[in-house]
Amino acid sequence: MPDIRLESVLKCPTCGFTMRVTMPTDACVYFHECSQCKALLRPKPGDCCVFCSYGSEKCPPRQQQRY
């Protein structure tokens, strides 16, 4: 089984601030607050979580689906 990356860099669509976040392996993250501008990140339509929408890596369940 391929390696699943558990860290993703989220980029706030409001202010552009980037933050390194460890993703949970057992749940999707639907909301995340930007630590700089306090905007509430939500998934884009069709995405399961904020990591799939704004992260450098897809969430672990989506990474597993690729293989």
PDB file of N, CA and C in Angstrom:
ATOM      1  N   MET A   1       0.839  -1.178   0.000  1.00  0.00           N
ATOM      2  CA  MET A   1       0.000   0.000   0.000  1.00  0.00           C
ATOM      3  C   MET A   1       0.889   1.249   0.000  1.00  0.00           C
ATOM      4  N   PRO A   2       0.552   2.230  -0.789  1.00  0.00           N
ATOM      5  CA  PRO A   2       1.372   3.442  -0.879  1.00  0.00           C
ATOM      6  C   PRO A   2       1.291   4.270   0.403  1.00  0.00           C
ATOM      7  N   ASP A   3       2.283   5.128   0.566  1.00  0.00           N
ATOM      8  CA  ASP A   3       2.299   6.014   1.725  1.00  0.00           C
ATOM      9  C   ASP A   3       1.212   7.065   1.596  1.00  0.00           C
ATOM     10  N   ILE A   4       0.535   7.303   2.696  1.00  0.00           N
ATOM     11  CA  ILE A   4      -0.480   8.347   2.770  1.00  0.00           C
ATOM     12  C   ILE A   4       0.162   9.530   3.476  1.00  0.00           C
ATOM     13  N   ARG A   5       0.104  10.690   2.860  1.00  0.00           N
ATOM     14  CA  ARG A   5       0.664  11.895   3.470  1.00  0.00           C
ATOM     15  C   ARG A   5      -0.357  12.479   4.439  1.00  0.00           C
ATOM     16  N   LEU A   6       0.058  12.731   5.658  1.00  0.00           N
ATOM     17  CA  LEU A   6      -0.855  13.233   6.683  1.00  0.00           C
ATOM     18  C   LEU A   6      -0.717  14.725   6.939  1.00  0.00           C
ATOM     19  N   GLU A   7       0.261  15.370   6.336  1.00  0.00           N
ATOM     20  CA  GLU A   7       0.412  16.817   6.484  1.00  0.00           C
ATOM     21  C   GLU A   7       0.052  17.489   5.180  1.00  0.00           C
ATOM     22  N   SER A   8      -0.654  18.600   5.306  1.00  0.00           N
ATOM     23  CA  SER A   8      -1.045  19.383   4.148  1.00  0.00           C
ATOM     24  C   SER A   8      -0.854  20.855   4.481  1.00  0.00           C
ATOM     25  N   VAL A   9      -0.544  21.643   3.479  1.00  0.00           N
ATOM     26  CA  VAL A   9      -0.428  23.082   3.672  1.00  0.00           C
ATOM     27  C   VAL A   9      -1.711  23.708   3.138  1.00  0.00           C
ATOM     28  N   LEU A  10      -2.495  24.254   4.055  1.00  0.00           N
ATOM     29  CA  LEU A  10      -3.734  24.929   3.668  1.00  0.00           C
ATOM     30  C   LEU A  10      -3.416  26.367   3.308  1.00  0.00           C
ATOM     31  N   LYS A  11      -4.030  26.851   2.219  1.00  0.00           N
ATOM     32  CA  LYS A  11      -3.861  28.245   1.815  1.00  0.00           C
ATOM     33  C   LYS A  11      -5.217  28.923   1.906  1.00  0.00           C
ATOM     34  N   CYS A  12      -5.292  29.955   2.735  1.00  0.00           N
ATOM     35  CA  CYS A  12      -6.544  30.674   2.932  1.00  0.00           C
ATOM     36  C   CYS A  12      -6.919  31.404   1.637  1.00  0.00           C
ATOM     37  N   PRO A  13      -8.122  31.180   1.122  1.00  0.00           N
ATOM     38  CA  PRO A  13      -8.531  31.861  -0.104  1.00  0.00           C
ATOM     39  C   PRO A  13      -8.833  33.341   0.116  1.00  0.00           C
ATOM     40  N   THR A  14      -8.974  33.762   1.362  1.00  0.00           N
ATOM     41  CA  THR A  14      -9.288  35.154   1.668  1.00  0.00           C
ATOM     42  C   THR A  14      -8.041  36.021   1.742  1.00  0.00           C
ATOM     43  N   CYS A  15      -7.045  35.565   2.519  1.00  0.00           N
ATOM     44  CA  CYS A  15      -5.861  36.406   2.725  1.00  0.00           C
ATOM     45  C   CYS A  15      -4.572  35.817   2.146  1.00  0.00           C
ATOM     46  N   GLY A  16      -4.602  34.542   1.727  1.00  0.00           N
ATOM     47  CA  GLY A  16      -3.416  33.916   1.146  1.00  0.00           C
ATOM     48  C   GLY A  16      -2.450  33.324   2.149  1.00  0.00           C
ATOM     49  N   PHE A  17      -2.757  33.433   3.440  1.00  0.00           N
ATOM     50  CA  PHE A  17      -1.901  32.888   4.487  1.00  0.00           C
ATOM     51  C   PHE A  17      -1.843  31.368   4.350  1.00  0.00           C
ATOM     52  N   THR A  18      -0.663  30.786   4.559  1.00  0.00           N
ATOM     53  CA  THR A  18      -0.520  29.334   4.498  1.00  0.00           C
ATOM     54  C   THR A  18      -0.211  28.799   5.889  1.00  0.00           C
ATOM     55  N   MET A  19      -0.766  27.617   6.156  1.00  0.00           N
ATOM     56  CA  MET A  19      -0.559  26.981   7.450  1.00  0.00           C
ATOM     57  C   MET A  19      -0.418  25.481   7.250  1.00  0.00           C
ATOM     58  N   ARG A  20       0.568  24.879   7.917  1.00  0.00           N
ATOM     59  CA  ARG A  20       0.790  23.434   7.842  1.00  0.00           C
ATOM     60  C   ARG A  20      -0.107  22.775   8.889  1.00  0.00           C
ATOM     61  N   VAL A  21      -0.905  21.804   8.437  1.00  0.00           N
ATOM     62  CA  VAL A  21      -1.887  21.163   9.309  1.00  0.00           C
ATOM     63  C   VAL A  21      -1.770  19.646   9.158  1.00  0.00           C
ATOM     64  N   THR A  22      -1.857  18.936  10.269  1.00  0.00           N
ATOM     65  CA  THR A  22      -1.904  17.477  10.239  1.00  0.00           C
ATOM     66  C   THR A  22      -3.352  17.055  10.057  1.00  0.00           C
ATOM     67  N   MET A  23      -3.602  16.238   9.051  1.00  0.00           N
ATOM     68  CA  MET A  23      -4.962  15.807   8.736  1.00  0.00           C
ATOM     69  C   MET A  23      -5.354  14.590   9.566  1.00  0.00           C
ATOM     70  N   PRO A  24      -6.603  14.533   9.999  1.00  0.00           N
ATOM     71  CA  PRO A  24      -7.060  13.319  10.676  1.00  0.00           C
ATOM     72  C   PRO A  24      -7.215  12.199   9.658  1.00  0.00           C
ATOM     73  N   THR A  25      -7.020  10.979  10.094  1.00  0.00           N
ATOM     74  CA  THR A  25      -7.157   9.846   9.179  1.00  0.00           C
ATOM     75  C   THR A  25      -8.566   9.261   9.193  1.00  0.00           C
ATOM     76  N   ASP A  26      -9.360   9.632  10.189  1.00  0.00           N
ATOM     77  CA  ASP A  26     -10.662   8.991  10.362  1.00  0.00           C
ATOM     78  C   ASP A  26     -11.858   9.927  10.196  1.00  0.00           C
ATOM     79  N   ALA A  27     -11.638  11.156   9.710  1.00  0.00           N
ATOM     80  CA  ALA A  27     -12.743  12.092   9.558  1.00  0.00           C
ATOM     81  C   ALA A  27     -12.377  13.162   8.544  1.00  0.00           C
ATOM     82  N   CYS A  28     -13.409  13.718   7.907  1.00  0.00           N
ATOM     83  CA  CYS A  28     -13.221  14.866   7.023  1.00  0.00           C
ATOM     84  C   CYS A  28     -13.309  16.134   7.862  1.00  0.00           C
ATOM     85  N   VAL A  29     -12.587  17.154   7.453  1.00  0.00           N
ATOM     86  CA  VAL A  29     -12.630  18.445   8.140  1.00  0.00           C
ATOM     87  C   VAL A  29     -13.437  19.398   7.259  1.00  0.00           C
ATOM     88  N   TYR A  30     -14.627  19.728   7.718  1.00  0.00           N
ATOM     89  CA  TYR A  30     -15.530  20.564   6.934  1.00  0.00           C
ATOM     90  C   TYR A  30     -15.277  22.048   7.137  1.00  0.00           C
ATOM     91  N   PHE A  31     -14.721  22.422   8.282  1.00  0.00           N
ATOM     92  CA  PHE A  31     -14.462  23.822   8.594  1.00  0.00           C
ATOM     93  C   PHE A  31     -13.071  23.962   9.187  1.00  0.00           C
ATOM     94  N   HIS A  32     -12.407  25.059   8.839  1.00  0.00           N
ATOM     95  CA  HIS A  32     -11.109  25.373   9.439  1.00  0.00           C
ATOM     96  C   HIS A  32     -10.988  26.890   9.483  1.00  0.00           C
ATOM     97  N   GLU A  33     -10.604  27.419  10.640  1.00  0.00           N
ATOM     98  CA  GLU A  33     -10.457  28.864  10.779  1.00  0.00           C
ATOM     99  C   GLU A  33      -9.027  29.277  10.464  1.00  0.00           C
ATOM    100  N   CYS A  34      -8.887  30.255   9.574  1.00  0.00           N
ATOM    101  CA  CYS A  34      -7.564  30.794   9.255  1.00  0.00           C
ATOM    102  C   CYS A  34      -7.002  31.444  10.508  1.00  0.00           C
ATOM    103  N   SER A  35      -5.778  31.111  10.842  1.00  0.00           N
ATOM    104  CA  SER A  35      -5.178  31.657  12.056  1.00  0.00           C
ATOM    105  C   SER A  35      -4.745  33.108  11.881  1.00  0.00           C
ATOM    106  N   GLN A  36      -4.745  33.613  10.655  1.00  0.00           N
ATOM    107  CA  GLN A  36      -4.360  35.013  10.445  1.00  0.00           C
ATOM    108  C   GLN A  36      -5.571  35.930  10.350  1.00  0.00           C
ATOM    109  N   CYS A  37      -6.478  35.677   9.397  1.00  0.00           N
ATOM    110  CA  CYS A  37      -7.600  36.601   9.189  1.00  0.00           C
ATOM    111  C   CYS A  37      -8.905  36.123   9.827  1.00  0.00           C
ATOM    112  N   LYS A  38      -8.880  34.898  10.381  1.00  0.00           N
ATOM    113  CA  LYS A  38     -10.038  34.300  11.072  1.00  0.00           C
ATOM    114  C   LYS A  38     -11.193  33.941  10.128  1.00  0.00           C
ATOM    115  N   ALA A  39     -10.949  33.903   8.825  1.00  0.00           N
ATOM    116  CA  ALA A  39     -11.981  33.462   7.876  1.00  0.00           C
ATOM    117  C   ALA A  39     -12.258  31.983   8.112  1.00  0.00           C
ATOM    118  N   LEU A  40     -13.490  31.591   7.930  1.00  0.00           N
ATOM    119  CA  LEU A  40     -13.877  30.195   8.092  1.00  0.00           C
ATOM    120  C   LEU A  40     -13.823  29.514   6.725  1.00  0.00           C
ATOM    121  N   LEU A  41     -12.868  28.609   6.568  1.00  0.00           N
ATOM    122  CA  LEU A  41     -12.735  27.870   5.313  1.00  0.00           C
ATOM    123  C   LEU A  41     -13.757  26.752   5.287  1.00  0.00           C
ATOM    124  N   ARG A  42     -14.413  26.607   4.153  1.00  0.00           N
ATOM    125  CA  ARG A  42     -15.387  25.537   3.919  1.00  0.00           C
ATOM    126  C   ARG A  42     -15.043  24.877   2.594  1.00  0.00           C
ATOM    127  N   PRO A  43     -15.378  23.618   2.422  1.00  0.00           N
ATOM    128  CA  PRO A  43     -15.071  22.949   1.150  1.00  0.00           C
ATOM    129  C   PRO A  43     -15.788  23.603  -0.023  1.00  0.00           C
ATOM    130  N   LYS A  44     -15.129  23.593  -1.166  1.00  0.00           N
ATOM    131  CA  LYS A  44     -15.771  24.043  -2.411  1.00  0.00           C
ATOM    132  C   LYS A  44     -16.817  23.006  -2.805  1.00  0.00           C
ATOM    133  N   PRO A  45     -17.823  23.401  -3.566  1.00  0.00           N
ATOM    134  CA  PRO A  45     -18.827  22.422  -4.023  1.00  0.00           C
ATOM    135  C   PRO A  45     -18.165  21.241  -4.732  1.00  0.00           C
ATOM    136  N   GLY A  46     -18.536  20.056  -4.336  1.00  0.00           N
ATOM    137  CA  GLY A  46     -17.985  18.842  -4.932  1.00  0.00           C
ATOM    138  C   GLY A  46     -16.800  18.255  -4.177  1.00  0.00           C
ATOM    139  N   ASP A  47     -16.196  19.028  -3.290  1.00  0.00           N
ATOM    140  CA  ASP A  47     -15.082  18.533  -2.484  1.00  0.00           C
ATOM    141  C   ASP A  47     -15.605  18.042  -1.141  1.00  0.00           C
ATOM    142  N   CYS A  48     -14.910  17.059  -0.563  1.00  0.00           N
ATOM    143  CA  CYS A  48     -15.382  16.469   0.696  1.00  0.00           C
ATOM    144  C   CYS A  48     -14.904  17.234   1.919  1.00  0.00           C
ATOM    145  N   CYS A  49     -13.814  18.018   1.800  1.00  0.00           N
ATOM    146  CA  CYS A  49     -13.288  18.700   2.980  1.00  0.00           C
ATOM    147  C   CYS A  49     -12.405  19.881   2.564  1.00  0.00           C
ATOM    148  N   VAL A  50     -11.957  20.647   3.550  1.00  0.00           N
ATOM    149  CA  VAL A  50     -11.135  21.819   3.262  1.00  0.00           C
ATOM    150  C   VAL A  50      -9.772  21.434   2.685  1.00  0.00           C
ATOM    151  N   PHE A  51      -9.262  20.255   3.020  1.00  0.00           N
ATOM    152  CA  PHE A  51      -7.966  19.838   2.476  1.00  0.00           C
ATOM    153  C   PHE A  51      -8.060  19.569   0.973  1.00  0.00           C
ATOM    154  N   CYS A  52      -9.165  18.996   0.532  1.00  0.00           N
ATOM    155  CA  CYS A  52      -9.350  18.743  -0.895  1.00  0.00           C
ATOM    156  C   CYS A  52      -9.541  20.048  -1.666  1.00  0.00           C
ATOM    157  N   SER A  53     -10.050  21.074  -1.000  1.00  0.00           N
ATOM    158  CA  SER A  53     -10.281  22.356  -1.662  1.00  0.00           C
ATOM    159  C   SER A  53      -9.068  23.283  -1.612  1.00  0.00           C
ATOM    160  N   TYR A  54      -8.400  23.366  -0.478  1.00  0.00           N
ATOM    161  CA  TYR A  54      -7.372  24.391  -0.278  1.00  0.00           C
ATOM    162  C   TYR A  54      -6.016  23.841   0.145  1.00  0.00           C
ATOM    163  N   GLY A  55      -5.865  22.534   0.230  1.00  0.00           N
ATOM    164  CA  GLY A  55      -4.622  21.957   0.720  1.00  0.00           C
ATOM    165  C   GLY A  55      -3.659  21.543  -0.376  1.00  0.00           C
ATOM    166  N   SER A  56      -2.417  21.381   0.022  1.00  0.00           N
ATOM    167  CA  SER A  56      -1.398  20.892  -0.910  1.00  0.00           C
ATOM    168  C   SER A  56      -1.527  19.387  -1.128  1.00  0.00           C
ATOM    169  N   GLU A  57      -2.231  18.714  -0.220  1.00  0.00           N
ATOM    170  CA  GLU A  57      -2.493  17.276  -0.322  1.00  0.00           C
ATOM    171  C   GLU A  57      -3.988  17.037  -0.128  1.00  0.00           C
ATOM    172  N   LYS A  58      -4.520  16.078  -0.831  1.00  0.00           N
ATOM    173  CA  LYS A  58      -5.905  15.657  -0.611  1.00  0.00           C
ATOM    174  C   LYS A  58      -5.991  14.940   0.739  1.00  0.00           C
ATOM    175  N   CYS A  59      -7.190  14.822   1.276  1.00  0.00           N
ATOM    176  CA  CYS A  59      -7.375  14.150   2.554  1.00  0.00           C
ATOM    177  C   CYS A  59      -7.020  12.665   2.434  1.00  0.00           C
ATOM    178  N   PRO A  60      -6.680  12.011   3.544  1.00  0.00           N
ATOM    179  CA  PRO A  60      -6.284  10.590   3.486  1.00  0.00           C
ATOM    180  C   PRO A  60      -7.302   9.671   2.794  1.00  0.00           C
ATOM    181  N   PRO A  61      -8.619   9.808   3.024  1.00  0.00           N
ATOM    182  CA  PRO A  61      -9.549   8.931   2.284  1.00  0.00           C
ATOM    183  C   PRO A  61      -9.456   9.111   0.763  1.00  0.00           C
ATOM    184  N   ARG A  62      -9.284  10.337   0.285  1.00  0.00           N
ATOM    185  CA  ARG A  62      -9.142  10.574  -1.162  1.00  0.00           C
ATOM    186  C   ARG A  62      -7.806  10.064  -1.681  1.00  0.00           C
ATOM    187  N   GLN A  63      -6.764  10.179  -0.869  1.00  0.00           N
ATOM    188  CA  GLN A  63      -5.470   9.643  -1.284  1.00  0.00           C
ATOM    189  C   GLN A  63      -5.566   8.132  -1.461  1.00  0.00           C
ATOM    190  N   GLN A  64      -6.286   7.459  -0.582  1.00  0.00           N
ATOM    191  CA  GLN A  64      -6.448   6.005  -0.669  1.00  0.00           C
ATOM    192  C   GLN A  64      -7.245   5.609  -1.900  1.00  0.00           C
ATOM    193  N   GLN A  65      -8.183   6.437  -2.327  1.00  0.00           N
ATOM    194  CA  GLN A  65      -9.011   6.120  -3.498  1.00  0.00           C
ATOM    195  C   GLN A  65      -8.205   6.112  -4.782  1.00  0.00           C
ATOM    196  N   ARG A  66      -7.073   6.819  -4.797  1.00  0.00           N
ATOM    197  CA  ARG A  66      -6.237   6.881  -6.007  1.00  0.00           C
ATOM    198  C   ARG A  66      -5.588   5.542  -6.314  1.00  0.00           C
ATOM    199  N   TYR A  67      -5.485   4.676  -5.304  1.00  0.00           N
ATOM    200  CA  TYR A  67      -4.737   3.420  -5.489  1.00  0.00           C
ATOM    201  C   TYR A  67      -5.620   2.224  -5.522  1.00  0.00           C
TER     202      TYR A  67
END
